[in-house]
């Protein structure tokens, strides 16, 4: 049996999230023998702080109206790799190049890792 142990729930209404939705998630997990970790569970306002998730930093940013005049929203969701994740990828790539193998072999090894 496989299951995901990391997930994100988004909601526009913080009160609804802290009440109804959190209760439903807790019940859903309990029926499957799992619980939410109080240490790891966070409720954040994306517009104010964002969060790190699986090597990515997720936040909401204001859109520059000069660059995006046709955009329907004044904000957008930004996802970018965390500095730690970037460092890990650079280290993996440099190790592959240091192995002294032909470039086509290096590309075949690195591409699946970069794609995830």
PDB file of N, CA and C in Angstrom:
ATOM      1  N   UNK A   1       0.849  -1.181   0.000  1.00  0.00           N
ATOM      2  CA  UNK A   1       0.000   0.000   0.000  1.00  0.00           C
ATOM      3  C   UNK A   1       0.890   1.239   0.000  1.00  0.00           C
ATOM      4  N   UNK A   2       0.499   2.255  -0.778  1.00  0.00           N
ATOM      5  CA  UNK A   2       1.252   3.504  -0.845  1.00  0.00           C
ATOM      6  C   UNK A   2       0.348   4.650  -0.440  1.00  0.00           C
ATOM      7  N   UNK A   3       0.938   5.657   0.163  1.00  0.00           N
ATOM      8  CA  UNK A   3       0.187   6.854   0.513  1.00  0.00           C
ATOM      9  C   UNK A   3       1.133   8.038   0.576  1.00  0.00           C
ATOM     10  N   UNK A   4       0.565   9.227   0.444  1.00  0.00           N
ATOM     11  CA  UNK A   4       1.351  10.456   0.534  1.00  0.00           C
ATOM     12  C   UNK A   4       1.328  10.937   1.977  1.00  0.00           C
ATOM     13  N   UNK A   5       2.497  11.291   2.483  1.00  0.00           N
ATOM     14  CA  UNK A   5       2.521  11.781   3.860  1.00  0.00           C
ATOM     15  C   UNK A   5       2.807  13.276   3.936  1.00  0.00           C
ATOM     16  N   UNK A   6       2.932  13.928   2.796  1.00  0.00           N
ATOM     17  CA  UNK A   6       3.107  15.377   2.736  1.00  0.00           C
ATOM     18  C   UNK A   6       2.023  15.931   1.826  1.00  0.00           C
ATOM     19  N   UNK A   7       1.281  16.912   2.295  1.00  0.00           N
ATOM     20  CA  UNK A   7       0.265  17.510   1.446  1.00  0.00           C
ATOM     21  C   UNK A   7      -0.016  18.938   1.884  1.00  0.00           C
ATOM     22  N   UNK A   8      -0.670  19.669   0.989  1.00  0.00           N
ATOM     23  CA  UNK A   8      -1.012  21.070   1.213  1.00  0.00           C
ATOM     24  C   UNK A   8      -2.521  21.218   1.031  1.00  0.00           C
ATOM     25  N   UNK A   9      -3.116  22.004   1.880  1.00  0.00           N
ATOM     26  CA  UNK A   9      -4.529  22.347   1.720  1.00  0.00           C
ATOM     27  C   UNK A   9      -4.596  23.863   1.602  1.00  0.00           C
ATOM     28  N   UNK A  10      -5.278  24.351   0.584  1.00  0.00           N
ATOM     29  CA  UNK A  10      -5.425  25.788   0.423  1.00  0.00           C
ATOM     30  C   UNK A  10      -6.877  26.183   0.636  1.00  0.00           C
ATOM     31  N   UNK A  11      -7.072  27.366   1.169  1.00  0.00           N
ATOM     32  CA  UNK A  11      -8.417  27.848   1.448  1.00  0.00           C
ATOM     33  C   UNK A  11      -8.377  29.370   1.565  1.00  0.00           C
ATOM     34  N   UNK A  12      -9.370  30.046   1.047  1.00  0.00           N
ATOM     35  CA  UNK A  12      -9.427  31.507   1.135  1.00  0.00           C
ATOM     36  C   UNK A  12      -9.837  31.990   2.518  1.00  0.00           C
ATOM     37  N   UNK A  13     -10.586  31.165   3.252  1.00  0.00           N
ATOM     38  CA  UNK A  13     -11.146  31.556   4.540  1.00  0.00           C
ATOM     39  C   UNK A  13     -10.437  30.829   5.683  1.00  0.00           C
ATOM     40  N   UNK A  14      -9.626  31.547   6.453  1.00  0.00           N
ATOM     41  CA  UNK A  14      -8.843  30.950   7.532  1.00  0.00           C
ATOM     42  C   UNK A  14      -9.736  30.295   8.597  1.00  0.00           C
ATOM     43  N   UNK A  15     -10.845  30.942   8.944  1.00  0.00           N
ATOM     44  CA  UNK A  15     -11.752  30.376   9.951  1.00  0.00           C
ATOM     45  C   UNK A  15     -12.324  29.038   9.486  1.00  0.00           C
ATOM     46  N   UNK A  16     -12.698  28.957   8.220  1.00  0.00           N
ATOM     47  CA  UNK A  16     -13.224  27.705   7.681  1.00  0.00           C
ATOM     48  C   UNK A  16     -12.144  26.624   7.684  1.00  0.00           C
ATOM     49  N   UNK A  17     -10.927  27.015   7.349  1.00  0.00           N
ATOM     50  CA  UNK A  17      -9.806  26.066   7.338  1.00  0.00           C
ATOM     51  C   UNK A  17      -9.527  25.531   8.733  1.00  0.00           C
ATOM     52  N   UNK A  18      -9.441  26.435   9.714  1.00  0.00           N
ATOM     53  CA  UNK A  18      -9.116  26.020  11.083  1.00  0.00           C
ATOM     54  C   UNK A  18     -10.240  25.216  11.724  1.00  0.00           C
ATOM     55  N   UNK A  19     -11.470  25.407  11.267  1.00  0.00           N
ATOM     56  CA  UNK A  19     -12.613  24.694  11.847  1.00  0.00           C
ATOM     57  C   UNK A  19     -12.987  23.474  11.047  1.00  0.00           C
ATOM     58  N   UNK A  20     -13.858  23.694  10.097  1.00  0.00           N
ATOM     59  CA  UNK A  20     -14.470  22.609   9.332  1.00  0.00           C
ATOM     60  C   UNK A  20     -13.467  21.753   8.559  1.00  0.00           C
ATOM     61  N   UNK A  21     -12.595  22.367   7.804  1.00  0.00           N
ATOM     62  CA  UNK A  21     -11.700  21.599   6.936  1.00  0.00           C
ATOM     63  C   UNK A  21     -10.673  20.807   7.741  1.00  0.00           C
ATOM     64  N   UNK A  22     -10.067  21.421   8.739  1.00  0.00           N
ATOM     65  CA  UNK A  22      -9.093  20.713   9.569  1.00  0.00           C
ATOM     66  C   UNK A  22      -9.740  19.515  10.260  1.00  0.00           C
ATOM     67  N   UNK A  23     -10.975  19.683  10.693  1.00  0.00           N
ATOM     68  CA  UNK A  23     -11.707  18.582  11.340  1.00  0.00           C
ATOM     69  C   UNK A  23     -11.957  17.443  10.352  1.00  0.00           C
ATOM     70  N   UNK A  24     -12.333  17.784   9.135  1.00  0.00           N
ATOM     71  CA  UNK A  24     -12.579  16.759   8.114  1.00  0.00           C
ATOM     72  C   UNK A  24     -11.299  16.019   7.744  1.00  0.00           C
ATOM     73  N   UNK A  25     -10.193  16.734   7.645  1.00  0.00           N
ATOM     74  CA  UNK A  25      -8.913  16.100   7.324  1.00  0.00           C
ATOM     75  C   UNK A  25      -8.488  15.168   8.456  1.00  0.00           C
ATOM     76  N   UNK A  26      -8.637  15.633   9.689  1.00  0.00           N
ATOM     77  CA  UNK A  26      -8.293  14.813  10.852  1.00  0.00           C
ATOM     78  C   UNK A  26      -9.104  13.525  10.861  1.00  0.00           C
ATOM     79  N   UNK A  27     -10.395  13.626  10.597  1.00  0.00           N
ATOM     80  CA  UNK A  27     -11.268  12.446  10.542  1.00  0.00           C
ATOM     81  C   UNK A  27     -10.854  11.516   9.407  1.00  0.00           C
ATOM     82  N   UNK A  28     -10.597  12.083   8.237  1.00  0.00           N
ATOM     83  CA  UNK A  28     -10.177  11.302   7.071  1.00  0.00           C
ATOM     84  C   UNK A  28      -8.913  10.506   7.384  1.00  0.00           C
ATOM     85  N   UNK A  29      -7.917  11.167   7.978  1.00  0.00           N
ATOM     86  CA  UNK A  29      -6.670  10.482   8.299  1.00  0.00           C
ATOM     87  C   UNK A  29      -6.859   9.437   9.391  1.00  0.00           C
ATOM     88  N   UNK A  30      -7.662   9.742  10.405  1.00  0.00           N
ATOM     89  CA  UNK A  30      -7.901   8.804  11.512  1.00  0.00           C
ATOM     90  C   UNK A  30      -8.517   7.509  10.997  1.00  0.00           C
ATOM     91  N   UNK A  31      -9.419   7.606  10.035  1.00  0.00           N
ATOM     92  CA  UNK A  31     -10.038   6.410   9.455  1.00  0.00           C
ATOM     93  C   UNK A  31      -9.013   5.515   8.763  1.00  0.00           C
ATOM     94  N   UNK A  32      -7.860   6.082   8.439  1.00  0.00           N
ATOM     95  CA  UNK A  32      -6.799   5.344   7.762  1.00  0.00           C
ATOM     96  C   UNK A  32      -5.610   5.067   8.684  1.00  0.00           C
ATOM     97  N   UNK A  33      -5.808   5.318   9.973  1.00  0.00           N
ATOM     98  CA  UNK A  33      -4.764   5.034  10.957  1.00  0.00           C
ATOM     99  C   UNK A  33      -3.637   6.049  10.993  1.00  0.00           C
ATOM    100  N   UNK A  34      -3.903   7.271  10.537  1.00  0.00           N
ATOM    101  CA  UNK A  34      -2.870   8.311  10.513  1.00  0.00           C
ATOM    102  C   UNK A  34      -3.326   9.530  11.301  1.00  0.00           C
ATOM    103  N   UNK A  35      -2.377  10.367  11.677  1.00  0.00           N
ATOM    104  CA  UNK A  35      -2.696  11.608  12.383  1.00  0.00           C
ATOM    105  C   UNK A  35      -1.873  12.747  11.792  1.00  0.00           C
ATOM    106  N   UNK A  36      -2.331  13.970  12.018  1.00  0.00           N
ATOM    107  CA  UNK A  36      -1.560  15.151  11.632  1.00  0.00           C
ATOM    108  C   UNK A  36      -0.505  15.409  12.697  1.00  0.00           C
ATOM    109  N   UNK A  37       0.687  15.741  12.278  1.00  0.00           N
ATOM    110  CA  UNK A  37       1.738  16.104  13.213  1.00  0.00           C
ATOM    111  C   UNK A  37       1.540  17.559  13.624  1.00  0.00           C
ATOM    112  N   UNK A  38       1.377  17.795  14.926  1.00  0.00           N
ATOM    113  CA  UNK A  38       1.196  19.175  15.390  1.00  0.00           C
ATOM    114  C   UNK A  38       2.454  20.005  15.169  1.00  0.00           C
ATOM    115  N   UNK A  39       3.625  19.367  15.213  1.00  0.00           N
ATOM    116  CA  UNK A  39       4.888  20.078  14.986  1.00  0.00           C
ATOM    117  C   UNK A  39       5.003  20.552  13.541  1.00  0.00           C
ATOM    118  N   UNK A  40       4.583  19.714  12.610  1.00  0.00           N
ATOM    119  CA  UNK A  40       4.771  20.022  11.191  1.00  0.00           C
ATOM    120  C   UNK A  40       3.609  20.789  10.565  1.00  0.00           C
ATOM    121  N   UNK A  41       2.435  20.728  11.162  1.00  0.00           N
ATOM    122  CA  UNK A  41       1.261  21.376  10.583  1.00  0.00           C
ATOM    123  C   UNK A  41       1.314  22.880  10.835  1.00  0.00           C
ATOM    124  N   UNK A  42       1.239  23.641   9.738  1.00  0.00           N
ATOM    125  CA  UNK A  42       1.278  25.100   9.842  1.00  0.00           C
ATOM    126  C   UNK A  42       0.135  25.680   9.026  1.00  0.00           C
ATOM    127  N   UNK A  43      -0.411  26.753   9.526  1.00  0.00           N
ATOM    128  CA  UNK A  43      -1.386  27.522   8.757  1.00  0.00           C
ATOM    129  C   UNK A  43      -0.740  28.875   8.501  1.00  0.00           C
ATOM    130  N   UNK A  44      -0.551  29.203   7.229  1.00  0.00           N
ATOM    131  CA  UNK A  44       0.138  30.444   6.873  1.00  0.00           C
ATOM    132  C   UNK A  44      -0.705  31.250   5.903  1.00  0.00           C
ATOM    133  N   UNK A  45      -0.455  32.543   5.890  1.00  0.00           N
ATOM    134  CA  UNK A  45      -1.054  33.439   4.904  1.00  0.00           C
ATOM    135  C   UNK A  45      -0.020  33.593   3.793  1.00  0.00           C
ATOM    136  N   UNK A  46      -0.318  33.059   2.622  1.00  0.00           N
ATOM    137  CA  UNK A  46       0.649  33.080   1.520  1.00  0.00           C
ATOM    138  C   UNK A  46       1.080  34.484   1.126  1.00  0.00           C
ATOM    139  N   UNK A  47       0.203  35.445   1.292  1.00  0.00           N
ATOM    140  CA  UNK A  47       0.545  36.810   0.904  1.00  0.00           C
ATOM    141  C   UNK A  47       1.574  37.415   1.856  1.00  0.00           C
ATOM    142  N   UNK A  48       1.649  36.898   3.080  1.00  0.00           N
ATOM    143  CA  UNK A  48       2.560  37.470   4.070  1.00  0.00           C
ATOM    144  C   UNK A  48       3.869  36.708   4.201  1.00  0.00           C
ATOM    145  N   UNK A  49       3.827  35.355   4.172  1.00  0.00           N
ATOM    146  CA  UNK A  49       5.070  34.643   4.435  1.00  0.00           C
ATOM    147  C   UNK A  49       5.395  33.491   3.502  1.00  0.00           C
ATOM    148  N   UNK A  50       4.434  32.776   2.999  1.00  0.00           N
ATOM    149  CA  UNK A  50       4.713  31.621   2.170  1.00  0.00           C
ATOM    150  C   UNK A  50       5.206  30.454   3.016  1.00  0.00           C
ATOM    151  N   UNK A  51       5.647  29.377   2.338  1.00  0.00           N
ATOM    152  CA  UNK A  51       6.133  28.201   3.059  1.00  0.00           C
ATOM    153  C   UNK A  51       7.063  27.383   2.172  1.00  0.00           C
ATOM    154  N   UNK A  52       7.854  26.526   2.799  1.00  0.00           N
ATOM    155  CA  UNK A  52       8.716  25.588   2.089  1.00  0.00           C
ATOM    156  C   UNK A  52       8.013  24.241   2.051  1.00  0.00           C
ATOM    157  N   UNK A  53       8.063  23.588   0.875  1.00  0.00           N
ATOM    158  CA  UNK A  53       7.423  22.292   0.712  1.00  0.00           C
ATOM    159  C   UNK A  53       8.196  21.460  -0.298  1.00  0.00           C
ATOM    160  N   UNK A  54       8.752  20.354   0.162  1.00  0.00           N
ATOM    161  CA  UNK A  54       9.475  19.410  -0.694  1.00  0.00           C
ATOM    162  C   UNK A  54      10.529  20.093  -1.570  1.00  0.00           C
ATOM    163  N   UNK A  55      11.318  20.967  -0.969  1.00  0.00           N
ATOM    164  CA  UNK A  55      12.407  21.617  -1.697  1.00  0.00           C
ATOM    165  C   UNK A  55      12.006  22.850  -2.492  1.00  0.00           C
ATOM    166  N   UNK A  56      10.778  23.317  -2.309  1.00  0.00           N
ATOM    167  CA  UNK A  56      10.294  24.489  -3.026  1.00  0.00           C
ATOM    168  C   UNK A  56       9.771  25.515  -2.037  1.00  0.00           C
ATOM    169  N   UNK A  57       9.916  26.792  -2.389  1.00  0.00           N
ATOM    170  CA  UNK A  57       9.330  27.863  -1.588  1.00  0.00           C
ATOM    171  C   UNK A  57       8.129  28.379  -2.358  1.00  0.00           C
ATOM    172  N   UNK A  58       6.963  28.374  -1.711  1.00  0.00           N
ATOM    173  CA  UNK A  58       5.702  28.778  -2.338  1.00  0.00           C
ATOM    174  C   UNK A  58       5.221  30.056  -1.666  1.00  0.00           C
ATOM    175  N   UNK A  59       4.871  31.061  -2.476  1.00  0.00           N
ATOM    176  CA  UNK A  59       4.363  32.314  -1.927  1.00  0.00           C
ATOM    177  C   UNK A  59       3.489  33.003  -2.975  1.00  0.00           C
ATOM    178  N   UNK A  60       2.783  34.028  -2.540  1.00  0.00           N
ATOM    179  CA  UNK A  60       1.983  34.834  -3.464  1.00  0.00           C
ATOM    180  C   UNK A  60       2.666  36.184  -3.592  1.00  0.00           C
ATOM    181  N   UNK A  61       2.836  36.628  -4.808  1.00  0.00           N
ATOM    182  CA  UNK A  61       3.506  37.901  -5.085  1.00  0.00           C
ATOM    183  C   UNK A  61       2.584  38.829  -5.846  1.00  0.00           C
ATOM    184  N   UNK A  62       2.866  40.117  -5.761  1.00  0.00           N
ATOM    185  CA  UNK A  62       2.133  41.106  -6.548  1.00  0.00           C
ATOM    186  C   UNK A  62       2.681  41.118  -7.965  1.00  0.00           C
ATOM    187  N   UNK A  63       1.791  41.195  -8.908  1.00  0.00           N
ATOM    188  CA  UNK A  63       2.164  41.225 -10.315  1.00  0.00           C
ATOM    189  C   UNK A  63       2.570  42.644 -10.701  1.00  0.00           C
ATOM    190  N   UNK A  64       3.582  42.782 -11.518  1.00  0.00           N
ATOM    191  CA  UNK A  64       4.018  44.085 -12.007  1.00  0.00           C
ATOM    192  C   UNK A  64       3.098  44.482 -13.164  1.00  0.00           C
ATOM    193  N   UNK A  65       2.265  45.510 -12.986  1.00  0.00           N
ATOM    194  CA  UNK A  65       1.302  45.867 -14.037  1.00  0.00           C
ATOM    195  C   UNK A  65       1.961  46.322 -15.338  1.00  0.00           C
ATOM    196  N   UNK A  66       3.175  46.818 -15.274  1.00  0.00           N
ATOM    197  CA  UNK A  66       3.859  47.242 -16.500  1.00  0.00           C
ATOM    198  C   UNK A  66       4.261  46.037 -17.352  1.00  0.00           C
ATOM    199  N   UNK A  67       4.531  44.913 -16.722  1.00  0.00           N
ATOM    200  CA  UNK A  67       4.973  43.726 -17.451  1.00  0.00           C
ATOM    201  C   UNK A  67       3.821  42.785 -17.781  1.00  0.00           C
ATOM    202  N   UNK A  68       2.708  42.910 -17.079  1.00  0.00           N
ATOM    203  CA  UNK A  68       1.592  41.992 -17.254  1.00  0.00           C
ATOM    204  C   UNK A  68       0.281  42.758 -17.385  1.00  0.00           C
ATOM    205  N   UNK A  69       0.179  43.582 -18.380  1.00  0.00           N
ATOM    206  CA  UNK A  69      -0.985  44.453 -18.509  1.00  0.00           C
ATOM    207  C   UNK A  69      -2.278  43.688 -18.787  1.00  0.00           C
ATOM    208  N   UNK A  70      -2.202  42.489 -19.367  1.00  0.00           N
ATOM    209  CA  UNK A  70      -3.410  41.734 -19.691  1.00  0.00           C
ATOM    210  C   UNK A  70      -3.786  40.723 -18.607  1.00  0.00           C
ATOM    211  N   UNK A  71      -3.038  40.665 -17.532  1.00  0.00           N
ATOM    212  CA  UNK A  71      -3.325  39.690 -16.469  1.00  0.00           C
ATOM    213  C   UNK A  71      -4.655  40.016 -15.801  1.00  0.00           C
ATOM    214  N   UNK A  72      -5.393  38.967 -15.438  1.00  0.00           N
ATOM    215  CA  UNK A  72      -6.699  39.155 -14.807  1.00  0.00           C
ATOM    216  C   UNK A  72      -6.575  39.398 -13.312  1.00  0.00           C
ATOM    217  N   UNK A  73      -5.471  39.003 -12.725  1.00  0.00           N
ATOM    218  CA  UNK A  73      -5.289  39.135 -11.283  1.00  0.00           C
ATOM    219  C   UNK A  73      -4.073  40.008 -10.996  1.00  0.00           C
ATOM    220  N   UNK A  74      -4.093  40.686  -9.859  1.00  0.00           N
ATOM    221  CA  UNK A  74      -2.956  41.534  -9.494  1.00  0.00           C
ATOM    222  C   UNK A  74      -1.890  40.741  -8.746  1.00  0.00           C
ATOM    223  N   UNK A  75      -2.168  39.454  -8.444  1.00  0.00           N
ATOM    224  CA  UNK A  75      -1.200  38.608  -7.745  1.00  0.00           C
ATOM    225  C   UNK A  75      -1.000  37.300  -8.504  1.00  0.00           C
ATOM    226  N   UNK A  76       0.067  36.582  -8.169  1.00  0.00           N
ATOM    227  CA  UNK A  76       0.310  35.265  -8.756  1.00  0.00           C
ATOM    228  C   UNK A  76       1.035  34.392  -7.738  1.00  0.00           C
ATOM    229  N   UNK A  77       0.904  33.093  -7.905  1.00  0.00           N
ATOM    230  CA  UNK A  77       1.568  32.138  -7.022  1.00  0.00           C
ATOM    231  C   UNK A  77       2.964  31.863  -7.577  1.00  0.00           C
ATOM    232  N   UNK A  78       3.966  32.093  -6.739  1.00  0.00           N
ATOM    233  CA  UNK A  78       5.343  31.863  -7.167  1.00  0.00           C
ATOM    234  C   UNK A  78       5.900  30.635  -6.459  1.00  0.00           C
ATOM    235  N   UNK A  79       6.476  29.740  -7.255  1.00  0.00           N
ATOM    236  CA  UNK A  79       7.156  28.573  -6.705  1.00  0.00           C
ATOM    237  C   UNK A  79       8.586  28.599  -7.226  1.00  0.00           C
ATOM    238  N   UNK A  80       9.523  28.578  -6.296  1.00  0.00           N
ATOM    239  CA  UNK A  80      10.923  28.553  -6.714  1.00  0.00           C
ATOM    240  C   UNK A  80      11.691  27.594  -5.801  1.00  0.00           C
ATOM    241  N   UNK A  81      12.751  26.999  -6.324  1.00  0.00           N
ATOM    242  CA  UNK A  81      13.514  26.055  -5.501  1.00  0.00           C
ATOM    243  C   UNK A  81      14.133  26.764  -4.300  1.00  0.00           C
ATOM    244  N   UNK A  82      14.217  26.052  -3.191  1.00  0.00           N
ATOM    245  CA  UNK A  82      14.871  26.613  -2.008  1.00  0.00           C
ATOM    246  C   UNK A  82      16.378  26.652  -2.257  1.00  0.00           C
ATOM    247  N   UNK A  83      17.106  27.531  -1.563  1.00  0.00           N
ATOM    248  CA  UNK A  83      18.562  27.570  -1.732  1.00  0.00           C
ATOM    249  C   UNK A  83      19.217  26.214  -1.448  1.00  0.00           C
ATOM    250  N   UNK A  84      18.694  25.475  -0.473  1.00  0.00           N
ATOM    251  CA  UNK A  84      19.253  24.154  -0.157  1.00  0.00           C
ATOM    252  C   UNK A  84      19.064  23.191  -1.325  1.00  0.00           C
ATOM    253  N   UNK A  85      17.906  23.265  -1.970  1.00  0.00           N
ATOM    254  CA  UNK A  85      17.619  22.396  -3.104  1.00  0.00           C
ATOM    255  C   UNK A  85      18.517  22.745  -4.295  1.00  0.00           C
ATOM    256  N   UNK A  86      18.730  24.021  -4.536  1.00  0.00           N
ATOM    257  CA  UNK A  86      19.615  24.459  -5.625  1.00  0.00           C
ATOM    258  C   UNK A  86      21.030  23.947  -5.384  1.00  0.00           C
ATOM    259  N   UNK A  87      21.480  24.051  -4.150  1.00  0.00           N
ATOM    260  CA  UNK A  87      22.824  23.585  -3.801  1.00  0.00           C
ATOM    261  C   UNK A  87      22.964  22.079  -4.049  1.00  0.00           C
ATOM    262  N   UNK A  88      21.921  21.314  -3.693  1.00  0.00           N
ATOM    263  CA  UNK A  88      21.935  19.866  -3.901  1.00  0.00           C
ATOM    264  C   UNK A  88      22.025  19.514  -5.388  1.00  0.00           C
ATOM    265  N   UNK A  89      21.265  20.224  -6.206  1.00  0.00           N
ATOM    266  CA  UNK A  89      21.265  19.951  -7.650  1.00  0.00           C
ATOM    267  C   UNK A  89      22.628  20.301  -8.249  1.00  0.00           C
ATOM    268  N   UNK A  90      23.191  21.437  -7.847  1.00  0.00           N
ATOM    269  CA  UNK A  90      24.508  21.825  -8.361  1.00  0.00           C
ATOM    270  C   UNK A  90      25.570  20.797  -7.985  1.00  0.00           C
ATOM    271  N   UNK A  91      25.501  20.294  -6.779  1.00  0.00           N
ATOM    272  CA  UNK A  91      26.453  19.282  -6.320  1.00  0.00           C
ATOM    273  C   UNK A  91      26.291  17.995  -7.130  1.00  0.00           C
ATOM    274  N   UNK A  92      25.061  17.574  -7.379  1.00  0.00           N
ATOM    275  CA  UNK A  92      24.815  16.369  -8.164  1.00  0.00           C
ATOM    276  C   UNK A  92      25.355  16.525  -9.580  1.00  0.00           C
ATOM    277  N   UNK A  93      25.113  17.673 -10.203  1.00  0.00           N
ATOM    278  CA  UNK A  93      25.590  17.916 -11.566  1.00  0.00           C
ATOM    279  C   UNK A  93      27.112  17.941 -11.603  1.00  0.00           C
ATOM    280  N   UNK A  94      27.735  18.613 -10.646  1.00  0.00           N
ATOM    281  CA  UNK A  94      29.204  18.686 -10.651  1.00  0.00           C
ATOM    282  C   UNK A  94      29.826  17.309 -10.439  1.00  0.00           C
ATOM    283  N   UNK A  95      29.209  16.465  -9.618  1.00  0.00           N
ATOM    284  CA  UNK A  95      29.726  15.094  -9.414  1.00  0.00           C
ATOM    285  C   UNK A  95      29.657  14.291 -10.707  1.00  0.00           C
ATOM    286  N   UNK A  96      28.575  14.462 -11.452  1.00  0.00           N
ATOM    287  CA  UNK A  96      28.436  13.733 -12.716  1.00  0.00           C
ATOM    288  C   UNK A  96      29.510  14.167 -13.709  1.00  0.00           C
ATOM    289  N   UNK A  97      29.798  15.480 -13.790  1.00  0.00           N
ATOM    290  CA  UNK A  97      30.813  15.965 -14.723  1.00  0.00           C
ATOM    291  C   UNK A  97      32.216  15.573 -14.280  1.00  0.00           C
ATOM    292  N   UNK A  98      32.438  15.485 -12.978  1.00  0.00           N
ATOM    293  CA  UNK A  98      33.753  15.103 -12.471  1.00  0.00           C
ATOM    294  C   UNK A  98      34.071  13.635 -12.718  1.00  0.00           C
ATOM    295  N   UNK A  99      33.073  12.846 -13.072  1.00  0.00           N
ATOM    296  CA  UNK A  99      33.288  11.413 -13.291  1.00  0.00           C
ATOM    297  C   UNK A  99      34.051  11.139 -14.585  1.00  0.00           C
ATOM    298  N   UNK A 100      34.169  12.149 -15.463  1.00  0.00           N
ATOM    299  CA  UNK A 100      34.947  12.008 -16.692  1.00  0.00           C
ATOM    300  C   UNK A 100      34.279  11.137 -17.747  1.00  0.00           C
ATOM    301  N   UNK A 101      32.966  11.021 -17.715  1.00  0.00           N
ATOM    302  CA  UNK A 101      32.237  10.212 -18.680  1.00  0.00           C
ATOM    303  C   UNK A 101      31.880  11.048 -19.909  1.00  0.00           C
ATOM    304  N   UNK A 102      31.503  10.398 -21.007  1.00  0.00           N
ATOM    305  CA  UNK A 102      31.064  11.135 -22.202  1.00  0.00           C
ATOM    306  C   UNK A 102      29.793  11.938 -21.899  1.00  0.00           C
ATOM    307  N   UNK A 103      29.628  13.047 -22.608  1.00  0.00           N
ATOM    308  CA  UNK A 103      28.531  13.971 -22.325  1.00  0.00           C
ATOM    309  C   UNK A 103      27.161  13.316 -22.508  1.00  0.00           C
ATOM    310  N   UNK A 104      26.996  12.459 -23.509  1.00  0.00           N
ATOM    311  CA  UNK A 104      25.689  11.824 -23.713  1.00  0.00           C
ATOM    312  C   UNK A 104      25.318  10.924 -22.531  1.00  0.00           C
ATOM    313  N   UNK A 105      26.294  10.294 -21.932  1.00  0.00           N
ATOM    314  CA  UNK A 105      26.057   9.464 -20.745  1.00  0.00           C
ATOM    315  C   UNK A 105      25.671  10.335 -19.542  1.00  0.00           C
ATOM    316  N   UNK A 106      26.342  11.480 -19.419  1.00  0.00           N
ATOM    317  CA  UNK A 106      26.047  12.409 -18.325  1.00  0.00           C
ATOM    318  C   UNK A 106      24.620  12.948 -18.473  1.00  0.00           C
ATOM    319  N   UNK A 107      24.246  13.334 -19.696  1.00  0.00           N
ATOM    320  CA  UNK A 107      22.914  13.880 -19.947  1.00  0.00           C
ATOM    321  C   UNK A 107      21.841  12.835 -19.635  1.00  0.00           C
ATOM    322  N   UNK A 108      22.063  11.573 -20.044  1.00  0.00           N
ATOM    323  CA  UNK A 108      21.097  10.502 -19.750  1.00  0.00           C
ATOM    324  C   UNK A 108      20.939  10.291 -18.241  1.00  0.00           C
ATOM    325  N   UNK A 109      22.005  10.505 -17.481  1.00  0.00           N
ATOM    326  CA  UNK A 109      21.949  10.331 -16.025  1.00  0.00           C
ATOM    327  C   UNK A 109      21.287  11.522 -15.341  1.00  0.00           C
ATOM    328  N   UNK A 110      21.612  12.733 -15.790  1.00  0.00           N
ATOM    329  CA  UNK A 110      21.143  13.944 -15.124  1.00  0.00           C
ATOM    330  C   UNK A 110      19.686  14.280 -15.470  1.00  0.00           C
ATOM    331  N   UNK A 111      19.273  14.106 -16.716  1.00  0.00           N
ATOM    332  CA  UNK A 111      17.927  14.519 -17.133  1.00  0.00           C
ATOM    333  C   UNK A 111      16.802  13.953 -16.264  1.00  0.00           C
ATOM    334  N   UNK A 112      16.769  12.655 -15.996  1.00  0.00           N
ATOM    335  CA  UNK A 112      15.669  12.151 -15.153  1.00  0.00           C
ATOM    336  C   UNK A 112      15.670  12.774 -13.750  1.00  0.00           C
ATOM    337  N   UNK A 113      16.847  13.046 -13.225  1.00  0.00           N
ATOM    338  CA  UNK A 113      16.934  13.654 -11.883  1.00  0.00           C
ATOM    339  C   UNK A 113      16.438  15.090 -11.909  1.00  0.00           C
ATOM    340  N   UNK A 114      16.745  15.818 -12.968  1.00  0.00           N
ATOM    341  CA  UNK A 114      16.282  17.201 -13.079  1.00  0.00           C
ATOM    342  C   UNK A 114      14.779  17.276 -13.290  1.00  0.00           C
ATOM    343  N   UNK A 115      14.230  16.302 -13.993  1.00  0.00           N
ATOM    344  CA  UNK A 115      12.787  16.287 -14.224  1.00  0.00           C
ATOM    345  C   UNK A 115      12.006  15.855 -12.992  1.00  0.00           C
ATOM    346  N   UNK A 116      12.692  15.141 -12.098  1.00  0.00           N
ATOM    347  CA  UNK A 116      12.034  14.703 -10.870  1.00  0.00           C
ATOM    348  C   UNK A 116      11.477  13.334 -11.013  1.00  0.00           C
TER     349      UNK A 116
END
